[in-house]
Amino acid sequence: MDYKAFWWQRPVMMDGVTTWAEICYDQLLPFSWMEAALYQPQDILLTNNVWWAKGTGIPSIQRASSWAWSRLTGSTEIEAENG
């Protein structure tokens, strides 16, 4: 599966499950989460490269934002982090 960082992406079906990807910086943008809420995916893939933000609060802010938005959309989170 090929994911790209861009707005107005569509969810994809993976093994019969509607899946949405939120890539790194997009996890902090309300617009991309409102887009996810529109499509109501079953799973949300959260991918991060936090190496650039070590020692800051950014990774925890991303996690909190992603957790809150996935709860609002009723989706399950699957997180992958490159630290």
PDB file of N, CA and C in Angstrom:
ATOM      1  N   MET A   1       0.846  -1.165   0.000  1.00  0.00           N
ATOM      2  CA  MET A   1       0.000   0.000   0.000  1.00  0.00           C
ATOM      3  C   MET A   1       0.896   1.234   0.000  1.00  0.00           C
ATOM      4  N   ASP A   2       0.558   2.200  -0.794  1.00  0.00           N
ATOM      5  CA  ASP A   2       1.364   3.418  -0.917  1.00  0.00           C
ATOM      6  C   ASP A   2       0.583   4.606  -0.346  1.00  0.00           C
ATOM      7  N   TYR A   3       1.097   5.194   0.737  1.00  0.00           N
ATOM      8  CA  TYR A   3       0.468   6.373   1.331  1.00  0.00           C
ATOM      9  C   TYR A   3       1.320   7.593   1.049  1.00  0.00           C
ATOM     10  N   LYS A   4       0.669   8.687   0.776  1.00  0.00           N
ATOM     11  CA  LYS A   4       1.357   9.946   0.547  1.00  0.00           C
ATOM     12  C   LYS A   4       0.766  10.990   1.477  1.00  0.00           C
ATOM     13  N   ALA A   5       1.559  11.954   1.864  1.00  0.00           N
ATOM     14  CA  ALA A   5       1.057  13.046   2.699  1.00  0.00           C
ATOM     15  C   ALA A   5       0.399  14.074   1.791  1.00  0.00           C
ATOM     16  N   PHE A   6      -0.900  14.100   1.801  1.00  0.00           N
ATOM     17  CA  PHE A   6      -1.639  15.108   1.051  1.00  0.00           C
ATOM     18  C   PHE A   6      -3.053  15.185   1.606  1.00  0.00           C
ATOM     19  N   TRP A   7      -3.722  16.273   1.360  1.00  0.00           N
ATOM     20  CA  TRP A   7      -5.081  16.443   1.844  1.00  0.00           C
ATOM     21  C   TRP A   7      -6.054  15.807   0.884  1.00  0.00           C
ATOM     22  N   TRP A   8      -7.180  15.481   1.395  1.00  0.00           N
ATOM     23  CA  TRP A   8      -8.280  14.845   0.675  1.00  0.00           C
ATOM     24  C   TRP A   8      -7.906  13.473   0.135  1.00  0.00           C
ATOM     25  N   GLN A   9      -7.224  12.730   1.004  1.00  0.00           N
ATOM     26  CA  GLN A   9      -6.978  11.339   0.670  1.00  0.00           C
ATOM     27  C   GLN A   9      -8.227  10.539   1.007  1.00  0.00           C
ATOM     28  N   ARG A  10      -8.372   9.438   0.416  1.00  0.00           N
ATOM     29  CA  ARG A  10      -9.493   8.551   0.684  1.00  0.00           C
ATOM     30  C   ARG A  10      -8.994   7.403   1.565  1.00  0.00           C
ATOM     31  N   PRO A  11      -9.863   6.884   2.423  1.00  0.00           N
ATOM     32  CA  PRO A  11      -9.469   5.691   3.172  1.00  0.00           C
ATOM     33  C   PRO A  11      -9.330   4.514   2.212  1.00  0.00           C
ATOM     34  N   VAL A  12      -8.569   3.534   2.608  1.00  0.00           N
ATOM     35  CA  VAL A  12      -8.390   2.333   1.788  1.00  0.00           C
ATOM     36  C   VAL A  12      -8.927   1.128   2.551  1.00  0.00           C
ATOM     37  N   MET A  13      -9.260   0.101   1.821  1.00  0.00           N
ATOM     38  CA  MET A  13      -9.701  -1.152   2.427  1.00  0.00           C
ATOM     39  C   MET A  13      -8.490  -2.066   2.567  1.00  0.00           C
ATOM     40  N   MET A  14      -8.230  -2.513   3.781  1.00  0.00           N
ATOM     41  CA  MET A  14      -7.144  -3.455   4.047  1.00  0.00           C
ATOM     42  C   MET A  14      -7.746  -4.641   4.792  1.00  0.00           C
ATOM     43  N   ASP A  15      -7.760  -5.785   4.148  1.00  0.00           N
ATOM     44  CA  ASP A  15      -8.369  -6.992   4.723  1.00  0.00           C
ATOM     45  C   ASP A  15      -9.798  -6.735   5.181  1.00  0.00           C
ATOM     46  N   GLY A  16     -10.552  -5.983   4.393  1.00  0.00           N
ATOM     47  CA  GLY A  16     -11.948  -5.720   4.691  1.00  0.00           C
ATOM     48  C   GLY A  16     -12.195  -4.645   5.740  1.00  0.00           C
ATOM     49  N   VAL A  17     -11.141  -3.946   6.153  1.00  0.00           N
ATOM     50  CA  VAL A  17     -11.253  -2.905   7.173  1.00  0.00           C
ATOM     51  C   VAL A  17     -10.944  -1.549   6.540  1.00  0.00           C
ATOM     52  N   THR A  18     -11.817  -0.570   6.760  1.00  0.00           N
ATOM     53  CA  THR A  18     -11.578   0.778   6.246  1.00  0.00           C
ATOM     54  C   THR A  18     -10.459   1.408   7.067  1.00  0.00           C
ATOM     55  N   THR A  19      -9.387   1.794   6.383  1.00  0.00           N
ATOM     56  CA  THR A  19      -8.181   2.264   7.061  1.00  0.00           C
ATOM     57  C   THR A  19      -7.781   3.646   6.557  1.00  0.00           C
ATOM     58  N   TRP A  20      -7.372   4.482   7.480  1.00  0.00           N
ATOM     59  CA  TRP A  20      -6.962   5.860   7.208  1.00  0.00           C
ATOM     60  C   TRP A  20      -5.547   6.033   7.746  1.00  0.00           C
ATOM     61  N   ALA A  21      -4.720   6.797   7.080  1.00  0.00           N
ATOM     62  CA  ALA A  21      -3.358   7.051   7.561  1.00  0.00           C
ATOM     63  C   ALA A  21      -3.193   8.525   7.919  1.00  0.00           C
ATOM     64  N   GLU A  22      -2.661   8.765   9.106  1.00  0.00           N
ATOM     65  CA  GLU A  22      -2.271  10.115   9.534  1.00  0.00           C
ATOM     66  C   GLU A  22      -0.759  10.093   9.688  1.00  0.00           C
ATOM     67  N   ILE A  23      -0.096  10.876   8.872  1.00  0.00           N
ATOM     68  CA  ILE A  23       1.355  10.832   8.798  1.00  0.00           C
ATOM     69  C   ILE A  23       1.964  12.008   9.554  1.00  0.00           C
ATOM     70  N   CYS A  24       2.726  11.709  10.584  1.00  0.00           N
ATOM     71  CA  CYS A  24       3.559  12.618  11.354  1.00  0.00           C
ATOM     72  C   CYS A  24       2.920  13.984  11.616  1.00  0.00           C
ATOM     73  N   TYR A  25       3.341  14.998  10.914  1.00  0.00           N
ATOM     74  CA  TYR A  25       2.913  16.375  11.155  1.00  0.00           C
ATOM     75  C   TYR A  25       1.406  16.543  10.986  1.00  0.00           C
ATOM     76  N   ASP A  26       0.800  15.773  10.095  1.00  0.00           N
ATOM     77  CA  ASP A  26      -0.645  15.866   9.864  1.00  0.00           C
ATOM     78  C   ASP A  26      -1.443  15.557  11.132  1.00  0.00           C
ATOM     79  N   GLN A  27      -0.838  14.811  12.067  1.00  0.00           N
ATOM     80  CA  GLN A  27      -1.535  14.471  13.301  1.00  0.00           C
ATOM     81  C   GLN A  27      -1.797  15.700  14.167  1.00  0.00           C
ATOM     82  N   LEU A  28      -1.128  16.795  13.877  1.00  0.00           N
ATOM     83  CA  LEU A  28      -1.312  18.032  14.643  1.00  0.00           C
ATOM     84  C   LEU A  28      -2.265  19.007  13.958  1.00  0.00           C
ATOM     85  N   LEU A  29      -2.720  18.683  12.760  1.00  0.00           N
ATOM     86  CA  LEU A  29      -3.569  19.590  11.991  1.00  0.00           C
ATOM     87  C   LEU A  29      -5.043  19.213  12.127  1.00  0.00           C
ATOM     88  N   PRO A  30      -5.856  20.086  12.712  1.00  0.00           N
ATOM     89  CA  PRO A  30      -7.282  19.765  12.851  1.00  0.00           C
ATOM     90  C   PRO A  30      -7.969  19.471  11.522  1.00  0.00           C
ATOM     91  N   PHE A  31      -7.543  20.145  10.457  1.00  0.00           N
ATOM     92  CA  PHE A  31      -8.185  19.940   9.157  1.00  0.00           C
ATOM     93  C   PHE A  31      -8.098  18.488   8.707  1.00  0.00           C
ATOM     94  N   SER A  32      -6.938  17.869   8.867  1.00  0.00           N
ATOM     95  CA  SER A  32      -6.799  16.483   8.418  1.00  0.00           C
ATOM     96  C   SER A  32      -7.647  15.541   9.273  1.00  0.00           C
ATOM     97  N   TRP A  33      -7.824  15.854  10.552  1.00  0.00           N
ATOM     98  CA  TRP A  33      -8.675  15.027  11.409  1.00  0.00           C
ATOM     99  C   TRP A  33     -10.151  15.214  11.078  1.00  0.00           C
ATOM    100  N   MET A  34     -10.536  16.428  10.709  1.00  0.00           N
ATOM    101  CA  MET A  34     -11.925  16.643  10.291  1.00  0.00           C
ATOM    102  C   MET A  34     -12.219  15.846   9.020  1.00  0.00           C
ATOM    103  N   GLU A  35     -11.212  15.755   8.175  1.00  0.00           N
ATOM    104  CA  GLU A  35     -11.336  14.933   6.970  1.00  0.00           C
ATOM    105  C   GLU A  35     -11.531  13.461   7.350  1.00  0.00           C
ATOM    106  N   ALA A  36     -10.762  12.982   8.320  1.00  0.00           N
ATOM    107  CA  ALA A  36     -10.910  11.596   8.781  1.00  0.00           C
ATOM    108  C   ALA A  36     -12.302  11.379   9.376  1.00  0.00           C
ATOM    109  N   ALA A  37     -12.793  12.351  10.124  1.00  0.00           N
ATOM    110  CA  ALA A  37     -14.128  12.232  10.722  1.00  0.00           C
ATOM    111  C   ALA A  37     -15.201  12.121   9.642  1.00  0.00           C
ATOM    112  N   LEU A  38     -14.983  12.783   8.527  1.00  0.00           N
ATOM    113  CA  LEU A  38     -15.930  12.723   7.415  1.00  0.00           C
ATOM    114  C   LEU A  38     -16.066  11.297   6.874  1.00  0.00           C
ATOM    115  N   TYR A  39     -14.947  10.589   6.786  1.00  0.00           N
ATOM    116  CA  TYR A  39     -14.944   9.239   6.220  1.00  0.00           C
ATOM    117  C   TYR A  39     -15.201   8.139   7.251  1.00  0.00           C
ATOM    118  N   GLN A  40     -15.056   8.416   8.537  1.00  0.00           N
ATOM    119  CA  GLN A  40     -15.283   7.464   9.620  1.00  0.00           C
ATOM    120  C   GLN A  40     -14.591   6.116   9.399  1.00  0.00           C
ATOM    121  N   PRO A  41     -13.257   6.105   9.333  1.00  0.00           N
ATOM    122  CA  PRO A  41     -12.548   4.838   9.140  1.00  0.00           C
ATOM    123  C   PRO A  41     -12.623   3.960  10.386  1.00  0.00           C
ATOM    124  N   GLN A  42     -12.465   2.661  10.183  1.00  0.00           N
ATOM    125  CA  GLN A  42     -12.446   1.728  11.306  1.00  0.00           C
ATOM    126  C   GLN A  42     -11.098   1.784  12.030  1.00  0.00           C
ATOM    127  N   ASP A  43     -10.016   1.862  11.276  1.00  0.00           N
ATOM    128  CA  ASP A  43      -8.663   1.931  11.836  1.00  0.00           C
ATOM    129  C   ASP A  43      -7.967   3.181  11.334  1.00  0.00           C
ATOM    130  N   ILE A  44      -7.108   3.747  12.187  1.00  0.00           N
ATOM    131  CA  ILE A  44      -6.263   4.869  11.787  1.00  0.00           C
ATOM    132  C   ILE A  44      -4.817   4.467  12.035  1.00  0.00           C
ATOM    133  N   LEU A  45      -4.010   4.494  10.981  1.00  0.00           N
ATOM    134  CA  LEU A  45      -2.580   4.220  11.091  1.00  0.00           C
ATOM    135  C   LEU A  45      -1.880   5.524  11.442  1.00  0.00           C
ATOM    136  N   LEU A  46      -1.161   5.543  12.555  1.00  0.00           N
ATOM    137  CA  LEU A  46      -0.434   6.728  13.000  1.00  0.00           C
ATOM    138  C   LEU A  46       1.051   6.470  12.827  1.00  0.00           C
ATOM    139  N   THR A  47       1.671   7.177  11.913  1.00  0.00           N
ATOM    140  CA  THR A  47       3.102   7.003  11.691  1.00  0.00           C
ATOM    141  C   THR A  47       3.827   8.289  12.072  1.00  0.00           C
ATOM    142  N   ASN A  48       4.947   8.137  12.762  1.00  0.00           N
ATOM    143  CA  ASN A  48       5.716   9.284  13.252  1.00  0.00           C
ATOM    144  C   ASN A  48       7.205   9.088  13.029  1.00  0.00           C
ATOM    145  N   ASN A  49       7.877  10.175  12.838  1.00  0.00           N
ATOM    146  CA  ASN A  49       9.338  10.243  12.911  1.00  0.00           C
ATOM    147  C   ASN A  49       9.653  11.234  14.016  1.00  0.00           C
ATOM    148  N   VAL A  50       9.798  10.736  15.236  1.00  0.00           N
ATOM    149  CA  VAL A  50       9.978  11.638  16.371  1.00  0.00           C
ATOM    150  C   VAL A  50      11.446  11.937  16.682  1.00  0.00           C
ATOM    151  N   TRP A  51      12.363  11.413  15.903  1.00  0.00           N
ATOM    152  CA  TRP A  51      13.775  11.659  16.172  1.00  0.00           C
ATOM    153  C   TRP A  51      14.094  13.149  16.166  1.00  0.00           C
ATOM    154  N   TRP A  52      13.402  13.916  15.340  1.00  0.00           N
ATOM    155  CA  TRP A  52      13.673  15.348  15.235  1.00  0.00           C
ATOM    156  C   TRP A  52      13.102  16.129  16.406  1.00  0.00           C
ATOM    157  N   ALA A  53      12.232  15.507  17.187  1.00  0.00           N
ATOM    158  CA  ALA A  53      11.556  16.219  18.271  1.00  0.00           C
ATOM    159  C   ALA A  53      11.931  15.685  19.656  1.00  0.00           C
ATOM    160  N   LYS A  54      12.966  14.870  19.745  1.00  0.00           N
ATOM    161  CA  LYS A  54      13.373  14.340  21.051  1.00  0.00           C
ATOM    162  C   LYS A  54      13.703  15.488  22.002  1.00  0.00           C
ATOM    163  N   GLY A  55      13.270  15.312  23.237  1.00  0.00           N
ATOM    164  CA  GLY A  55      13.533  16.338  24.240  1.00  0.00           C
ATOM    165  C   GLY A  55      12.523  17.477  24.221  1.00  0.00           C
ATOM    166  N   THR A  56      11.502  17.361  23.378  1.00  0.00           N
ATOM    167  CA  THR A  56      10.442  18.374  23.328  1.00  0.00           C
ATOM    168  C   THR A  56       9.122  17.718  23.721  1.00  0.00           C
ATOM    169  N   GLY A  57       8.086  18.494  23.810  1.00  0.00           N
ATOM    170  CA  GLY A  57       6.766  17.965  24.122  1.00  0.00           C
ATOM    171  C   GLY A  57       5.992  17.528  22.903  1.00  0.00           C
ATOM    172  N   ILE A  58       6.581  17.669  21.716  1.00  0.00           N
ATOM    173  CA  ILE A  58       5.852  17.388  20.480  1.00  0.00           C
ATOM    174  C   ILE A  58       5.347  15.945  20.391  1.00  0.00           C
ATOM    175  N   PRO A  59       6.166  14.921  20.682  1.00  0.00           N
ATOM    176  CA  PRO A  59       5.642  13.554  20.586  1.00  0.00           C
ATOM    177  C   PRO A  59       4.432  13.300  21.493  1.00  0.00           C
ATOM    178  N   SER A  60       4.456  13.829  22.703  1.00  0.00           N
ATOM    179  CA  SER A  60       3.311  13.612  23.599  1.00  0.00           C
ATOM    180  C   SER A  60       2.088  14.403  23.135  1.00  0.00           C
ATOM    181  N   ILE A  61       2.294  15.564  22.531  1.00  0.00           N
ATOM    182  CA  ILE A  61       1.181  16.337  21.984  1.00  0.00           C
ATOM    183  C   ILE A  61       0.570  15.591  20.804  1.00  0.00           C
ATOM    184  N   GLN A  62       1.413  15.011  19.943  1.00  0.00           N
ATOM    185  CA  GLN A  62       0.914  14.215  18.815  1.00  0.00           C
ATOM    186  C   GLN A  62       0.086  13.039  19.313  1.00  0.00           C
ATOM    187  N   ARG A  63       0.590  12.328  20.324  1.00  0.00           N
ATOM    188  CA  ARG A  63      -0.134  11.174  20.855  1.00  0.00           C
ATOM    189  C   ARG A  63      -1.485  11.592  21.439  1.00  0.00           C
ATOM    190  N   ALA A  64      -1.487  12.679  22.216  1.00  0.00           N
ATOM    191  CA  ALA A  64      -2.734  13.147  22.833  1.00  0.00           C
ATOM    192  C   ALA A  64      -3.743  13.585  21.771  1.00  0.00           C
ATOM    193  N   SER A  65      -3.268  14.288  20.762  1.00  0.00           N
ATOM    194  CA  SER A  65      -4.141  14.740  19.683  1.00  0.00           C
ATOM    195  C   SER A  65      -4.714  13.545  18.927  1.00  0.00           C
ATOM    196  N   SER A  66      -3.864  12.604  18.586  1.00  0.00           N
ATOM    197  CA  SER A  66      -4.297  11.418  17.843  1.00  0.00           C
ATOM    198  C   SER A  66      -5.278  10.592  18.658  1.00  0.00           C
ATOM    199  N   TRP A  67      -5.012  10.435  19.951  1.00  0.00           N
ATOM    200  CA  TRP A  67      -5.903   9.676  20.822  1.00  0.00           C
ATOM    201  C   TRP A  67      -7.279  10.335  20.863  1.00  0.00           C
ATOM    202  N   ALA A  68      -7.309  11.642  21.073  1.00  0.00           N
ATOM    203  CA  ALA A  68      -8.583  12.357  21.174  1.00  0.00           C
ATOM    204  C   ALA A  68      -9.381  12.277  19.875  1.00  0.00           C
ATOM    205  N   TRP A  69      -8.713  12.528  18.755  1.00  0.00           N
ATOM    206  CA  TRP A  69      -9.427  12.516  17.470  1.00  0.00           C
ATOM    207  C   TRP A  69      -9.890  11.114  17.093  1.00  0.00           C
ATOM    208  N   SER A  70      -9.096  10.100  17.399  1.00  0.00           N
ATOM    209  CA  SER A  70      -9.530   8.737  17.061  1.00  0.00           C
ATOM    210  C   SER A  70     -10.740   8.342  17.908  1.00  0.00           C
ATOM    211  N   ARG A  71     -10.806   8.820  19.144  1.00  0.00           N
ATOM    212  CA  ARG A  71     -11.984   8.559  19.975  1.00  0.00           C
ATOM    213  C   ARG A  71     -13.208   9.267  19.407  1.00  0.00           C
ATOM    214  N   LEU A  72     -13.016  10.498  18.936  1.00  0.00           N
ATOM    215  CA  LEU A  72     -14.133  11.243  18.353  1.00  0.00           C
ATOM    216  C   LEU A  72     -14.647  10.593  17.070  1.00  0.00           C
ATOM    217  N   THR A  73     -13.743   9.985  16.298  1.00  0.00           N
ATOM    218  CA  THR A  73     -14.165   9.332  15.054  1.00  0.00           C
ATOM    219  C   THR A  73     -14.592   7.884  15.285  1.00  0.00           C
ATOM    220  N   GLY A  74     -14.385   7.362  16.497  1.00  0.00           N
ATOM    221  CA  GLY A  74     -14.759   5.985  16.796  1.00  0.00           C
ATOM    222  C   GLY A  74     -13.822   4.972  16.166  1.00  0.00           C
ATOM    223  N   SER A  75     -12.594   5.376  15.903  1.00  0.00           N
ATOM    224  CA  SER A  75     -11.627   4.514  15.210  1.00  0.00           C
ATOM    225  C   SER A  75     -10.637   3.882  16.184  1.00  0.00           C
ATOM    226  N   THR A  76     -10.071   2.771  15.755  1.00  0.00           N
ATOM    227  CA  THR A  76      -8.993   2.121  16.482  1.00  0.00           C
ATOM    228  C   THR A  76      -7.673   2.690  15.985  1.00  0.00           C
ATOM    229  N   GLU A  77      -6.727   2.917  16.892  1.00  0.00           N
ATOM    230  CA  GLU A  77      -5.412   3.444  16.529  1.00  0.00           C
ATOM    231  C   GLU A  77      -4.411   2.320  16.361  1.00  0.00           C
ATOM    232  N   ILE A  78      -3.569   2.446  15.358  1.00  0.00           N
ATOM    233  CA  ILE A  78      -2.413   1.563  15.182  1.00  0.00           C
ATOM    234  C   ILE A  78      -1.234   2.505  14.999  1.00  0.00           C
ATOM    235  N   GLU A  79      -0.285   2.464  15.938  1.00  0.00           N
ATOM    236  CA  GLU A  79       0.800   3.435  15.942  1.00  0.00           C
ATOM    237  C   GLU A  79       2.133   2.802  15.557  1.00  0.00           C
ATOM    238  N   ALA A  80       2.877   3.495  14.701  1.00  0.00           N
ATOM    239  CA  ALA A  80       4.232   3.110  14.327  1.00  0.00           C
ATOM    240  C   ALA A  80       5.107   4.335  14.481  1.00  0.00           C
ATOM    241  N   GLU A  81       6.181   4.202  15.245  1.00  0.00           N
ATOM    242  CA  GLU A  81       7.024   5.354  15.539  1.00  0.00           C
ATOM    243  C   GLU A  81       8.479   5.043  15.209  1.00  0.00           C
ATOM    244  N   ASN A  82       9.118   5.966  14.524  1.00  0.00           N
ATOM    245  CA  ASN A  82      10.531   5.848  14.196  1.00  0.00           C
ATOM    246  C   ASN A  82      11.273   6.827  15.088  1.00  0.00           C
ATOM    247  N   GLY A  83      11.818   6.338  16.163  1.00  0.00           N
ATOM    248  CA  GLY A  83      12.453   7.227  17.125  1.00  0.00           C
ATOM    249  C   GLY A  83      13.924   7.128  17.068  1.00  0.00           C
TER     250      GLY A  83
END
